[in-house]
Amino acid sequence: MKTRAHQSLQDETYATLRRWLSLGRFLPGERLRIHALAEQLRVGEMPVRAALVRLAGESALVNLPNRGVVVPQLTRAQFDDVLNVRVMLEGEAAFLAAARLTASDIAQLDALCAQMAEALEQNKRARYLDANEDFHLTLYRASGSPLLVDLIETVWLQVGPISNLLFDDPGFARTLNDAHDGLMRRLKRRDAQGARRAVERDLRHAAKPLRMHCLSDDGHTADTA
């Protein structure tokens, strides 16, 4: 029987690896080695192995013959499907949140926008992705629907690993915060429909370069034409 402490360590390990996936700490196609992860997390191999099994069950990872646990690579069709689901879920969360945000929430979102702008200026991609996740979670949690937020975070697992590729084109990367500025203007006016549309534009804008990095629908590496 597992002790409470043992179960807690497994849950913490799972939560950390899940967040790393969402933030793009691992790249599509990367093999995750249990021993190396255990050293990084300073835990034993057993909680890491259990966490990887759970994440594979959520389709965040895949087990491949002769390769072990691997971060999946999306096809373009899969990417389009995930994008459409994100637009529906995140647009609705922004719509609901617009009327519920407090002055403190607005101040926090403004501060996170400033952090993202600074991170882009300094080309600190990890810092940008951290602040970006905090920004969207702060907004979506204000929707008042924990289930909606859980669904959004689960979908993020599918696209987190590809998010680092947003920075392959420095010129495009500098535009990543533009949609957030427009979103903030609408949130401050309590414009729920405008907030929904701004989130949708944000998602579709970021999707353009990412889609080119996906596999073609026959499973081969897609060209960039």
Protein backbone atom coordinates (compact mmCIF):
# COMPACT_ATOMS: atom_id res chain seq x y z
CA MET A 1 0.00 0.00 0.00
CA LYS A 2 1.29 3.45 -0.91
CA THR A 3 1.91 5.84 1.93
CA ARG A 4 0.44 9.33 1.79
CA ALA A 5 3.94 10.83 1.42
CA HIS A 6 4.72 8.47 -1.46
CA GLN A 7 1.48 9.37 -3.22
CA SER A 8 2.16 13.08 -2.66
CA LEU A 9 5.61 12.76 -4.24
CA GLN A 10 4.10 11.00 -7.26
CA ASP A 11 1.48 13.74 -7.61
CA GLU A 12 4.11 16.49 -7.33
CA THR A 13 6.31 14.79 -9.91
CA TYR A 14 3.36 14.39 -12.25
CA ALA A 15 2.32 18.03 -11.80
CA THR A 16 5.85 19.28 -12.52
CA LEU A 17 6.28 17.18 -15.67
CA ARG A 18 2.80 18.15 -16.83
CA ARG A 19 3.65 21.83 -16.49
CA TRP A 20 6.98 21.36 -18.24
CA LEU A 21 5.13 19.82 -21.17
CA SER A 22 2.61 22.68 -21.26
CA LEU A 23 5.43 25.24 -21.23
CA GLY A 24 7.40 23.60 -24.02
CA ARG A 25 10.28 22.39 -21.85
CA PHE A 26 10.36 19.28 -24.06
CA LEU A 27 10.33 19.36 -27.85
CA PRO A 28 8.19 17.29 -30.25
CA GLY A 29 9.85 13.94 -30.93
CA GLU A 30 12.11 14.18 -27.87
CA ARG A 31 12.68 10.97 -25.93
CA LEU A 32 12.18 11.32 -22.18
CA ARG A 33 14.62 9.28 -20.13
CA ILE A 34 13.47 8.27 -16.68
CA HIS A 35 16.90 8.37 -15.06
CA ALA A 36 17.70 11.85 -16.40
CA LEU A 37 14.32 13.23 -15.31
CA ALA A 38 14.72 11.71 -11.85
CA GLU A 39 18.07 13.48 -11.49
CA GLN A 40 16.58 16.80 -12.64
CA LEU A 41 13.68 16.50 -10.22
CA ARG A 42 15.81 15.01 -7.43
CA VAL A 43 13.41 12.14 -6.91
CA GLY A 44 13.58 8.39 -7.42
CA GLU A 45 12.77 6.75 -10.72
CA MET A 46 9.49 5.25 -9.51
CA PRO A 47 7.51 8.53 -9.22
CA VAL A 48 8.88 9.63 -12.60
CA ARG A 49 7.81 6.35 -14.20
CA ALA A 50 4.34 6.66 -12.67
CA ALA A 51 4.03 10.26 -13.87
CA LEU A 52 5.00 9.31 -17.42
CA VAL A 53 2.36 6.56 -17.42
CA ARG A 54 -0.29 9.07 -16.35
CA LEU A 55 0.77 11.56 -19.00
CA ALA A 56 0.72 8.88 -21.67
CA GLY A 57 -2.83 8.10 -20.55
CA GLU A 58 -3.70 11.74 -21.29
CA SER A 59 -2.12 11.47 -24.77
CA ALA A 60 0.50 14.01 -23.71
CA LEU A 61 3.20 11.38 -24.31
CA VAL A 62 3.44 8.21 -26.38
CA ASN A 63 5.24 4.90 -25.93
CA LEU A 64 7.06 3.89 -29.10
CA PRO A 65 8.66 0.49 -29.75
CA ASN A 66 12.44 0.58 -29.26
CA ARG A 67 12.31 4.28 -28.31
CA GLY A 68 10.45 4.40 -25.01
CA VAL A 69 8.46 7.44 -23.90
CA VAL A 70 8.44 10.19 -26.52
CA VAL A 71 6.86 13.62 -26.85
CA PRO A 72 4.37 13.26 -29.73
CA GLN A 73 4.63 15.13 -32.99
CA LEU A 74 1.33 16.51 -34.26
CA THR A 75 0.19 16.21 -37.84
CA ARG A 76 -1.32 19.31 -39.40
CA ALA A 77 -4.80 17.78 -39.15
CA GLN A 78 -4.28 17.09 -35.44
CA PHE A 79 -2.93 20.59 -34.92
CA ASP A 80 -5.97 22.11 -36.65
CA ASP A 81 -8.28 20.01 -34.48
CA VAL A 82 -6.54 21.14 -31.29
CA LEU A 83 -6.60 24.77 -32.45
CA ASN A 84 -10.35 24.67 -33.11
CA VAL A 85 -10.98 23.19 -29.66
CA ARG A 86 -8.76 25.84 -28.05
CA VAL A 87 -10.64 28.62 -29.85
CA MET A 88 -13.94 27.30 -28.52
CA LEU A 89 -12.79 26.72 -24.95
CA GLU A 90 -10.52 29.71 -24.46
CA GLY A 91 -12.84 32.09 -26.27
CA GLU A 92 -15.66 31.06 -23.96
CA ALA A 93 -13.46 31.41 -20.88
CA ALA A 94 -12.47 34.94 -21.89
CA PHE A 95 -16.13 35.80 -22.59
CA LEU A 96 -17.19 34.65 -19.11
CA ALA A 97 -14.22 36.26 -17.39
CA ALA A 98 -14.75 39.73 -18.86
CA ALA A 99 -17.63 40.53 -16.50
CA ARG A 100 -16.02 38.91 -13.46
CA LEU A 101 -12.50 40.34 -13.40
CA THR A 102 -11.65 42.39 -10.33
CA ALA A 103 -9.44 45.47 -10.28
CA SER A 104 -6.73 43.27 -8.77
CA ASP A 105 -7.09 40.77 -11.64
CA ILE A 106 -6.76 43.57 -14.20
CA ALA A 107 -3.64 44.88 -12.46
CA GLN A 108 -2.12 41.40 -12.44
CA LEU A 109 -2.87 40.90 -16.14
CA ASP A 110 -1.30 44.28 -16.94
CA ALA A 111 1.82 43.31 -15.00
CA LEU A 112 2.06 39.99 -16.86
CA CYS A 113 1.71 41.79 -20.20
CA ALA A 114 4.66 43.98 -19.19
CA GLN A 115 6.66 40.89 -18.22
CA MET A 116 5.94 39.30 -21.59
CA ALA A 117 6.97 42.44 -23.45
CA GLU A 118 10.23 42.60 -21.51
CA ALA A 119 10.92 38.90 -22.09
CA LEU A 120 10.44 39.33 -25.84
CA GLU A 121 12.71 42.36 -25.86
CA GLN A 122 15.41 40.34 -24.10
CA ASN A 123 14.73 37.19 -26.17
CA LYS A 124 14.04 35.14 -23.03
CA ARG A 125 11.66 32.55 -24.40
CA ALA A 126 11.23 30.53 -21.20
CA ARG A 127 10.33 33.66 -19.26
CA TYR A 128 7.86 34.69 -21.96
CA LEU A 129 6.15 31.28 -21.96
CA ASP A 130 5.93 31.28 -18.15
CA ALA A 131 4.33 34.73 -18.09
CA ASN A 132 2.06 33.84 -21.00
CA GLU A 133 0.73 30.79 -19.18
CA ASP A 134 0.19 32.83 -15.99
CA PHE A 135 -1.62 35.50 -18.01
CA HIS A 136 -4.06 33.09 -19.62
CA LEU A 137 -4.65 31.10 -16.44
CA THR A 138 -5.38 34.28 -14.49
CA LEU A 139 -7.89 35.30 -17.13
CA TYR A 140 -9.55 31.91 -17.55
CA ARG A 141 -9.82 31.21 -13.82
CA ALA A 142 -11.84 34.41 -13.54
CA SER A 143 -14.47 32.70 -15.71
CA GLY A 144 -15.79 30.98 -12.58
CA SER A 145 -15.68 27.56 -14.25
CA PRO A 146 -13.00 25.22 -12.82
CA LEU A 147 -14.06 22.50 -15.26
CA LEU A 148 -13.51 24.79 -18.23
CA VAL A 149 -10.03 25.66 -16.94
CA ASP A 150 -9.22 21.95 -16.45
CA LEU A 151 -10.26 21.21 -20.04
CA ILE A 152 -8.12 24.08 -21.34
CA GLU A 153 -5.04 22.90 -19.41
CA THR A 154 -5.51 19.35 -20.73
CA VAL A 155 -5.66 20.61 -24.32
CA TRP A 156 -2.53 22.70 -23.72
CA LEU A 157 -0.60 19.46 -23.22
CA GLN A 158 -1.06 18.74 -26.92
CA VAL A 159 0.57 21.95 -28.12
CA GLY A 160 2.96 22.92 -25.31
CA PRO A 161 5.98 21.09 -26.78
CA ILE A 162 5.71 22.95 -30.08
CA SER A 163 5.39 26.38 -28.45
CA ASN A 164 9.15 26.96 -28.25
CA LEU A 165 9.22 27.01 -32.05
CA LEU A 166 7.41 30.35 -31.97
CA PHE A 167 10.84 31.90 -31.45
CA ASP A 168 12.47 30.43 -34.56
CA ASP A 169 11.57 33.63 -36.43
CA PRO A 170 12.71 36.61 -34.29
CA GLY A 171 10.59 39.02 -36.32
CA PHE A 172 7.42 37.02 -35.71
CA ALA A 173 8.29 36.53 -32.04
CA ARG A 174 8.23 40.29 -31.51
CA THR A 175 4.55 40.33 -32.52
CA LEU A 176 3.43 37.76 -29.94
CA ASN A 177 2.35 40.30 -27.34
CA ASP A 178 0.35 42.48 -29.75
CA ALA A 179 -2.89 40.53 -29.30
CA HIS A 180 -2.59 40.75 -25.52
CA ASP A 181 -2.60 44.54 -25.69
CA GLY A 182 -5.83 44.45 -27.69
CA LEU A 183 -7.32 41.91 -25.32
CA MET A 184 -6.54 44.11 -22.30
CA ARG A 185 -8.33 47.08 -23.87
CA ARG A 186 -11.47 44.99 -24.29
CA LEU A 187 -11.28 43.49 -20.82
CA LYS A 188 -11.01 46.95 -19.26
CA ARG A 189 -14.19 47.93 -21.13
CA ARG A 190 -15.89 44.69 -19.97
CA ASP A 191 -16.43 43.88 -23.65
CA ALA A 192 -17.10 40.15 -23.44
CA GLN A 193 -17.56 39.54 -27.16
CA GLY A 194 -14.51 41.65 -27.93
CA ALA A 195 -12.48 39.63 -25.42
CA ARG A 196 -13.59 36.39 -27.08
CA ARG A 197 -12.56 37.66 -30.50
CA ALA A 198 -9.21 38.95 -29.18
CA VAL A 199 -8.34 35.54 -27.69
CA GLU A 200 -9.33 33.86 -30.95
CA ARG A 201 -7.06 36.23 -32.91
CA ASP A 202 -4.22 35.57 -30.45
CA LEU A 203 -4.52 31.80 -30.88
CA ARG A 204 -4.80 31.89 -34.66
CA HIS A 205 -1.91 34.36 -34.99
CA ALA A 206 0.44 32.12 -32.98
CA ALA A 207 -0.78 29.05 -34.86
CA LYS A 208 0.42 30.23 -38.28
CA PRO A 209 4.16 29.48 -37.87
CA LEU A 210 3.58 26.50 -35.57
CA ARG A 211 1.46 24.66 -38.12
CA MET A 212 4.38 24.66 -40.55
CA HIS A 213 6.43 22.65 -38.04
CA CYS A 214 3.82 19.88 -37.84
CA LEU A 215 3.99 16.63 -39.77
CA SER A 216 2.08 16.36 -43.01
CA ASP A 217 -1.08 14.33 -42.66
CA ASP A 218 0.61 11.21 -44.05
CA GLY A 219 2.98 11.30 -41.06
CA HIS A 220 6.02 12.69 -42.84
CA THR A 221 7.83 15.91 -42.03
CA ALA A 222 5.86 18.76 -43.50
CA ASP A 223 7.51 21.22 -45.79
CA THR A 224 7.29 24.91 -45.11
CA ALA A 225 5.71 25.91 -48.40
